[in-house]
């Protein structure tokens, strides 16, 4: 049983449809008291970091997600949902995150990029150079679909995948039972479906 966390910021329909495609027992959950009843959760997200944190707190999902994380059951954050796992973001000022993974979220450094070839936001298909990890079973350096202007900075020990866009940035992370993907597995066809299948086996 997987809960897709509804805190008024997620791309819920495409995540739900991807879960149903692999016959996962998925439910969109709006009531934070219900999260503890599930085996794993997906934290999606589209939009601004600060707005997302306000919604997490106002809906009660902030405490519920942190409590779920402490249970040891698997969590995966997708796109903005991955960024929320970190301690803070520099988007529109310094905003506190969930603090489940040490690190912060920063904008793309345009001074390090050839802006004739690299536009921000980073939109489209790009490769993840992955370390061995259960979420990458059956995959090697897969192409996935990205849409983002910010990315995480964290210790290499939490990094399970990097992507090159002007420079190398962190695109997949893990700390114990907590996983994050900057790209959208639910929009990444077979490669993304394989990642979701692997997550359901954790």
C-alpha atoms as a PDB file:
ATOM      1  CA  UNK A   1       0.000   0.000   0.000  1.00  0.00           C
ATOM      2  CA  UNK A   2       1.453   3.325  -1.103  1.00  0.00           C
ATOM      3  CA  UNK A   3       0.147   6.749  -0.120  1.00  0.00           C
ATOM      4  CA  UNK A   4       0.540   9.621  -2.578  1.00  0.00           C
ATOM      5  CA  UNK A   5       0.705  12.676  -0.319  1.00  0.00           C
ATOM      6  CA  UNK A   6      -1.836  15.353  -1.244  1.00  0.00           C
ATOM      7  CA  UNK A   7      -0.823  18.725   0.212  1.00  0.00           C
ATOM      8  CA  UNK A   8      -2.217  20.863  -2.631  1.00  0.00           C
ATOM      9  CA  UNK A   9       1.132  21.032  -4.481  1.00  0.00           C
ATOM     10  CA  UNK A  10       1.551  17.691  -6.215  1.00  0.00           C
ATOM     11  CA  UNK A  11       1.204  16.343  -9.728  1.00  0.00           C
ATOM     12  CA  UNK A  12      -1.134  13.746  -8.297  1.00  0.00           C
ATOM     13  CA  UNK A  13      -2.916  12.387 -11.363  1.00  0.00           C
ATOM     14  CA  UNK A  14       0.189  11.356 -13.308  1.00  0.00           C
ATOM     15  CA  UNK A  15       1.801   9.797 -10.219  1.00  0.00           C
ATOM     16  CA  UNK A  16      -1.411   7.902  -9.415  1.00  0.00           C
ATOM     17  CA  UNK A  17      -1.784   6.715 -13.021  1.00  0.00           C
ATOM     18  CA  UNK A  18       1.816   5.498 -13.113  1.00  0.00           C
ATOM     19  CA  UNK A  19       1.232   3.532  -9.911  1.00  0.00           C
ATOM     20  CA  UNK A  20      -1.914   1.947 -11.339  1.00  0.00           C
ATOM     21  CA  UNK A  21       0.010   1.038 -14.499  1.00  0.00           C
ATOM     22  CA  UNK A  22       2.230  -1.226 -12.411  1.00  0.00           C
ATOM     23  CA  UNK A  23      -0.741  -2.514 -10.383  1.00  0.00           C
ATOM     24  CA  UNK A  24       0.455  -0.815  -7.212  1.00  0.00           C
ATOM     25  CA  UNK A  25      -2.114  -0.413  -4.433  1.00  0.00           C
ATOM     26  CA  UNK A  26      -1.970   3.398  -4.492  1.00  0.00           C
ATOM     27  CA  UNK A  27      -4.179   5.923  -2.719  1.00  0.00           C
ATOM     28  CA  UNK A  28      -4.104   9.721  -2.832  1.00  0.00           C
ATOM     29  CA  UNK A  29      -4.116  10.722   0.851  1.00  0.00           C
ATOM     30  CA  UNK A  30      -5.220  14.134   2.085  1.00  0.00           C
ATOM     31  CA  UNK A  31      -5.696  13.224   5.768  1.00  0.00           C
ATOM     32  CA  UNK A  32      -2.301  13.288   7.538  1.00  0.00           C
ATOM     33  CA  UNK A  33      -3.527  10.928  10.269  1.00  0.00           C
ATOM     34  CA  UNK A  34      -3.914   8.185   7.638  1.00  0.00           C
ATOM     35  CA  UNK A  35      -0.284   8.106   6.459  1.00  0.00           C
ATOM     36  CA  UNK A  36       0.789   5.749   9.232  1.00  0.00           C
ATOM     37  CA  UNK A  37      -1.548   3.102   7.810  1.00  0.00           C
ATOM     38  CA  UNK A  38       0.537   2.734   4.622  1.00  0.00           C
ATOM     39  CA  UNK A  39       3.696   0.749   3.818  1.00  0.00           C
ATOM     40  CA  UNK A  40       5.384   3.514   1.804  1.00  0.00           C
ATOM     41  CA  UNK A  41       4.687   7.032   0.626  1.00  0.00           C
ATOM     42  CA  UNK A  42       5.362   9.142  -2.456  1.00  0.00           C
ATOM     43  CA  UNK A  43       5.854  12.874  -1.892  1.00  0.00           C
ATOM     44  CA  UNK A  44       5.246  14.598  -5.238  1.00  0.00           C
ATOM     45  CA  UNK A  45       5.549  18.315  -5.852  1.00  0.00           C
ATOM     46  CA  UNK A  46       5.229  21.008  -8.472  1.00  0.00           C
ATOM     47  CA  UNK A  47       5.786  24.714  -7.807  1.00  0.00           C
ATOM     48  CA  UNK A  48       7.732  26.847  -5.361  1.00  0.00           C
ATOM     49  CA  UNK A  49       9.541  25.464  -2.296  1.00  0.00           C
ATOM     50  CA  UNK A  50       8.171  28.080   0.123  1.00  0.00           C
ATOM     51  CA  UNK A  51       4.570  27.556  -0.957  1.00  0.00           C
ATOM     52  CA  UNK A  52       5.019  23.805  -0.632  1.00  0.00           C
ATOM     53  CA  UNK A  53       6.332  24.097   2.931  1.00  0.00           C
ATOM     54  CA  UNK A  54       3.398  26.343   3.880  1.00  0.00           C
ATOM     55  CA  UNK A  55       0.977  23.773   2.476  1.00  0.00           C
ATOM     56  CA  UNK A  56       2.735  20.884   4.242  1.00  0.00           C
ATOM     57  CA  UNK A  57       2.416  22.696   7.559  1.00  0.00           C
ATOM     58  CA  UNK A  58      -1.121  24.016   7.080  1.00  0.00           C
ATOM     59  CA  UNK A  59      -2.432  20.581   6.070  1.00  0.00           C
ATOM     60  CA  UNK A  60      -0.664  18.763   8.908  1.00  0.00           C
ATOM     61  CA  UNK A  61       1.412  16.773   6.444  1.00  0.00           C
ATOM     62  CA  UNK A  62       4.704  18.263   7.691  1.00  0.00           C
ATOM     63  CA  UNK A  63       4.574  16.402  11.005  1.00  0.00           C
ATOM     64  CA  UNK A  64       2.940  13.330   9.467  1.00  0.00           C
ATOM     65  CA  UNK A  65       5.673  12.894   6.839  1.00  0.00           C
ATOM     66  CA  UNK A  66       8.431  13.360   9.427  1.00  0.00           C
ATOM     67  CA  UNK A  67       6.753  10.818  11.718  1.00  0.00           C
ATOM     68  CA  UNK A  68       6.454   8.367   8.822  1.00  0.00           C
ATOM     69  CA  UNK A  69      10.143   8.847   8.018  1.00  0.00           C
ATOM     70  CA  UNK A  70      11.079   7.952  11.581  1.00  0.00           C
ATOM     71  CA  UNK A  71       9.154   4.663  11.249  1.00  0.00           C
ATOM     72  CA  UNK A  72      11.751   3.330   8.800  1.00  0.00           C
ATOM     73  CA  UNK A  73       9.208   2.715   6.038  1.00  0.00           C
ATOM     74  CA  UNK A  74      10.234   3.863   2.511  1.00  0.00           C
ATOM     75  CA  UNK A  75       9.592   7.410   1.266  1.00  0.00           C
ATOM     76  CA  UNK A  76      10.355   8.776  -2.185  1.00  0.00           C
ATOM     77  CA  UNK A  77      10.245  12.476  -3.013  1.00  0.00           C
ATOM     78  CA  UNK A  78       9.804  13.445  -6.664  1.00  0.00           C
ATOM     79  CA  UNK A  79      11.008  16.747  -8.178  1.00  0.00           C
ATOM     80  CA  UNK A  80       9.962  19.449  -5.684  1.00  0.00           C
ATOM     81  CA  UNK A  81       9.103  16.573  -3.346  1.00  0.00           C
ATOM     82  CA  UNK A  82      12.785  15.554  -3.389  1.00  0.00           C
ATOM     83  CA  UNK A  83      13.883  19.119  -2.668  1.00  0.00           C
ATOM     84  CA  UNK A  84      11.557  19.313   0.347  1.00  0.00           C
ATOM     85  CA  UNK A  85      13.458  16.422   1.946  1.00  0.00           C
ATOM     86  CA  UNK A  86      16.475  18.680   2.521  1.00  0.00           C
ATOM     87  CA  UNK A  87      17.195  21.147   5.300  1.00  0.00           C
ATOM     88  CA  UNK A  88      16.618  24.336   3.328  1.00  0.00           C
ATOM     89  CA  UNK A  89      16.169  26.009  -0.044  1.00  0.00           C
ATOM     90  CA  UNK A  90      17.433  29.321  -1.411  1.00  0.00           C
ATOM     91  CA  UNK A  91      14.333  29.759  -3.603  1.00  0.00           C
ATOM     92  CA  UNK A  92      12.827  33.209  -2.838  1.00  0.00           C
ATOM     93  CA  UNK A  93      14.997  33.531   0.274  1.00  0.00           C
ATOM     94  CA  UNK A  94      16.133  30.888   2.746  1.00  0.00           C
ATOM     95  CA  UNK A  95      13.293  28.492   3.609  1.00  0.00           C
ATOM     96  CA  UNK A  96      13.409  25.540   6.002  1.00  0.00           C
ATOM     97  CA  UNK A  97      12.637  22.110   4.568  1.00  0.00           C
ATOM     98  CA  UNK A  98      11.711  18.793   6.166  1.00  0.00           C
ATOM     99  CA  UNK A  99      15.324  18.216   7.221  1.00  0.00           C
ATOM    100  CA  UNK A 100      15.243  14.488   6.485  1.00  0.00           C
ATOM    101  CA  UNK A 101      18.452  14.602   4.425  1.00  0.00           C
ATOM    102  CA  UNK A 102      21.373  16.934   5.237  1.00  0.00           C
ATOM    103  CA  UNK A 103      21.896  19.469   2.466  1.00  0.00           C
ATOM    104  CA  UNK A 104      20.278  22.410   0.747  1.00  0.00           C
ATOM    105  CA  UNK A 105      18.595  23.379  -2.511  1.00  0.00           C
ATOM    106  CA  UNK A 106      20.189  26.049  -4.714  1.00  0.00           C
ATOM    107  CA  UNK A 107      19.478  27.630  -8.112  1.00  0.00           C
ATOM    108  CA  UNK A 108      21.446  26.561 -11.156  1.00  0.00           C
ATOM    109  CA  UNK A 109      24.683  28.521 -11.223  1.00  0.00           C
ATOM    110  CA  UNK A 110      24.447  30.249 -14.596  1.00  0.00           C
ATOM    111  CA  UNK A 111      28.068  31.453 -14.302  1.00  0.00           C
ATOM    112  CA  UNK A 112      29.127  27.799 -14.714  1.00  0.00           C
ATOM    113  CA  UNK A 113      26.921  27.192 -17.761  1.00  0.00           C
ATOM    114  CA  UNK A 114      27.033  28.045 -21.452  1.00  0.00           C
ATOM    115  CA  UNK A 115      23.669  29.796 -21.595  1.00  0.00           C
ATOM    116  CA  UNK A 116      23.511  29.457 -25.377  1.00  0.00           C
ATOM    117  CA  UNK A 117      23.246  25.702 -24.912  1.00  0.00           C
ATOM    118  CA  UNK A 118      21.657  25.486 -21.458  1.00  0.00           C
ATOM    119  CA  UNK A 119      18.424  27.231 -20.595  1.00  0.00           C
ATOM    120  CA  UNK A 120      16.959  27.481 -17.106  1.00  0.00           C
ATOM    121  CA  UNK A 121      14.643  25.859 -16.203  1.00  0.00           C
ATOM    122  CA  UNK A 122      16.214  22.568 -17.204  1.00  0.00           C
ATOM    123  CA  UNK A 123      13.439  20.895 -19.191  1.00  0.00           C
ATOM    124  CA  UNK A 124      13.583  17.612 -21.065  1.00  0.00           C
ATOM    125  CA  UNK A 125      15.281  14.235 -21.129  1.00  0.00           C
ATOM    126  CA  UNK A 126      18.668  13.791 -19.513  1.00  0.00           C
ATOM    127  CA  UNK A 127      20.778  10.966 -18.183  1.00  0.00           C
ATOM    128  CA  UNK A 128      21.257   9.965 -14.558  1.00  0.00           C
ATOM    129  CA  UNK A 129      24.693   8.502 -13.892  1.00  0.00           C
ATOM    130  CA  UNK A 130      23.726   6.169 -11.100  1.00  0.00           C
ATOM    131  CA  UNK A 131      25.490   4.305  -8.344  1.00  0.00           C
ATOM    132  CA  UNK A 132      24.402   0.737  -7.600  1.00  0.00           C
ATOM    133  CA  UNK A 133      21.109   1.005  -5.711  1.00  0.00           C
ATOM    134  CA  UNK A 134      17.919  -1.015  -5.400  1.00  0.00           C
ATOM    135  CA  UNK A 135      15.940   1.753  -7.097  1.00  0.00           C
ATOM    136  CA  UNK A 136      18.111   1.362 -10.209  1.00  0.00           C
ATOM    137  CA  UNK A 137      17.756  -2.424 -10.476  1.00  0.00           C
ATOM    138  CA  UNK A 138      17.469  -3.288 -14.172  1.00  0.00           C
ATOM    139  CA  UNK A 139      18.750   0.149 -15.240  1.00  0.00           C
ATOM    140  CA  UNK A 140      22.136   1.670 -16.001  1.00  0.00           C
ATOM    141  CA  UNK A 141      22.518   5.424 -16.481  1.00  0.00           C
ATOM    142  CA  UNK A 142      18.874   5.833 -17.562  1.00  0.00           C
ATOM    143  CA  UNK A 143      17.379   8.827 -19.338  1.00  0.00           C
ATOM    144  CA  UNK A 144      14.591  10.491 -17.337  1.00  0.00           C
ATOM    145  CA  UNK A 145      12.420  13.576 -17.745  1.00  0.00           C
ATOM    146  CA  UNK A 146      13.374  16.766 -15.868  1.00  0.00           C
ATOM    147  CA  UNK A 147      11.616  20.097 -15.204  1.00  0.00           C
ATOM    148  CA  UNK A 148      13.400  22.291 -12.615  1.00  0.00           C
ATOM    149  CA  UNK A 149      15.356  25.470 -11.939  1.00  0.00           C
ATOM    150  CA  UNK A 150      16.876  24.425  -8.581  1.00  0.00           C
ATOM    151  CA  UNK A 151      18.868  21.385  -7.496  1.00  0.00           C
ATOM    152  CA  UNK A 152      20.155  19.817  -4.303  1.00  0.00           C
ATOM    153  CA  UNK A 153      23.655  20.089  -2.870  1.00  0.00           C
ATOM    154  CA  UNK A 154      24.560  17.367  -0.382  1.00  0.00           C
ATOM    155  CA  UNK A 155      27.314  15.039   0.781  1.00  0.00           C
ATOM    156  CA  UNK A 156      28.343  12.379  -1.708  1.00  0.00           C
ATOM    157  CA  UNK A 157      27.344   9.652   0.748  1.00  0.00           C
ATOM    158  CA  UNK A 158      23.682  10.569   0.147  1.00  0.00           C
ATOM    159  CA  UNK A 159      24.062  10.838  -3.633  1.00  0.00           C
ATOM    160  CA  UNK A 160      22.936   7.835  -5.689  1.00  0.00           C
ATOM    161  CA  UNK A 161      22.742   9.655  -9.032  1.00  0.00           C
ATOM    162  CA  UNK A 162      24.116  12.730 -10.796  1.00  0.00           C
ATOM    163  CA  UNK A 163      23.179  14.476 -14.022  1.00  0.00           C
ATOM    164  CA  UNK A 164      25.159  16.836 -16.248  1.00  0.00           C
ATOM    165  CA  UNK A 165      23.527  20.090 -17.323  1.00  0.00           C
ATOM    166  CA  UNK A 166      26.221  22.688 -17.717  1.00  0.00           C
ATOM    167  CA  UNK A 167      27.862  20.978 -14.749  1.00  0.00           C
ATOM    168  CA  UNK A 168      27.215  17.891 -12.650  1.00  0.00           C
ATOM    169  CA  UNK A 169      24.416  18.166 -10.104  1.00  0.00           C
ATOM    170  CA  UNK A 170      22.750  15.770  -7.675  1.00  0.00           C
ATOM    171  CA  UNK A 171      19.687  14.165  -9.261  1.00  0.00           C
ATOM    172  CA  UNK A 172      18.957  11.179  -6.987  1.00  0.00           C
ATOM    173  CA  UNK A 173      19.546  10.671  -3.269  1.00  0.00           C
ATOM    174  CA  UNK A 174      19.101   8.186  -0.452  1.00  0.00           C
ATOM    175  CA  UNK A 175      19.479   8.353   3.299  1.00  0.00           C
ATOM    176  CA  UNK A 176      18.372   5.102   4.932  1.00  0.00           C
ATOM    177  CA  UNK A 177      14.658   4.671   4.060  1.00  0.00           C
ATOM    178  CA  UNK A 178      14.367   8.082   2.383  1.00  0.00           C
ATOM    179  CA  UNK A 179      14.823   8.452  -1.379  1.00  0.00           C
ATOM    180  CA  UNK A 180      14.569  11.388  -3.741  1.00  0.00           C
ATOM    181  CA  UNK A 181      14.523  11.881  -7.507  1.00  0.00           C
ATOM    182  CA  UNK A 182      14.844  15.280  -9.168  1.00  0.00           C
ATOM    183  CA  UNK A 183      13.375  14.001 -12.467  1.00  0.00           C
ATOM    184  CA  UNK A 184       9.832  12.708 -12.852  1.00  0.00           C
ATOM    185  CA  UNK A 185       9.749   8.882 -12.981  1.00  0.00           C
ATOM    186  CA  UNK A 186       5.991   9.048 -13.617  1.00  0.00           C
ATOM    187  CA  UNK A 187       6.688  10.958 -16.866  1.00  0.00           C
ATOM    188  CA  UNK A 188       9.741   8.964 -17.931  1.00  0.00           C
ATOM    189  CA  UNK A 189       8.139   6.002 -19.717  1.00  0.00           C
ATOM    190  CA  UNK A 190       9.786   2.590 -19.237  1.00  0.00           C
ATOM    191  CA  UNK A 191      12.785   3.834 -17.242  1.00  0.00           C
ATOM    192  CA  UNK A 192      10.612   5.720 -14.791  1.00  0.00           C
ATOM    193  CA  UNK A 193       8.173   2.842 -14.487  1.00  0.00           C
ATOM    194  CA  UNK A 194      11.084   0.546 -13.594  1.00  0.00           C
ATOM    195  CA  UNK A 195      12.132   2.932 -10.808  1.00  0.00           C
ATOM    196  CA  UNK A 196       8.594   2.970  -9.414  1.00  0.00           C
ATOM    197  CA  UNK A 197       8.438  -0.839  -9.615  1.00  0.00           C
ATOM    198  CA  UNK A 198      11.711  -1.033  -7.702  1.00  0.00           C
ATOM    199  CA  UNK A 199      10.395   1.368  -5.078  1.00  0.00           C
ATOM    200  CA  UNK A 200       7.326  -0.816  -4.557  1.00  0.00           C
ATOM    201  CA  UNK A 201       9.630  -3.764  -3.772  1.00  0.00           C
ATOM    202  CA  UNK A 202      11.518  -1.993  -0.973  1.00  0.00           C
END
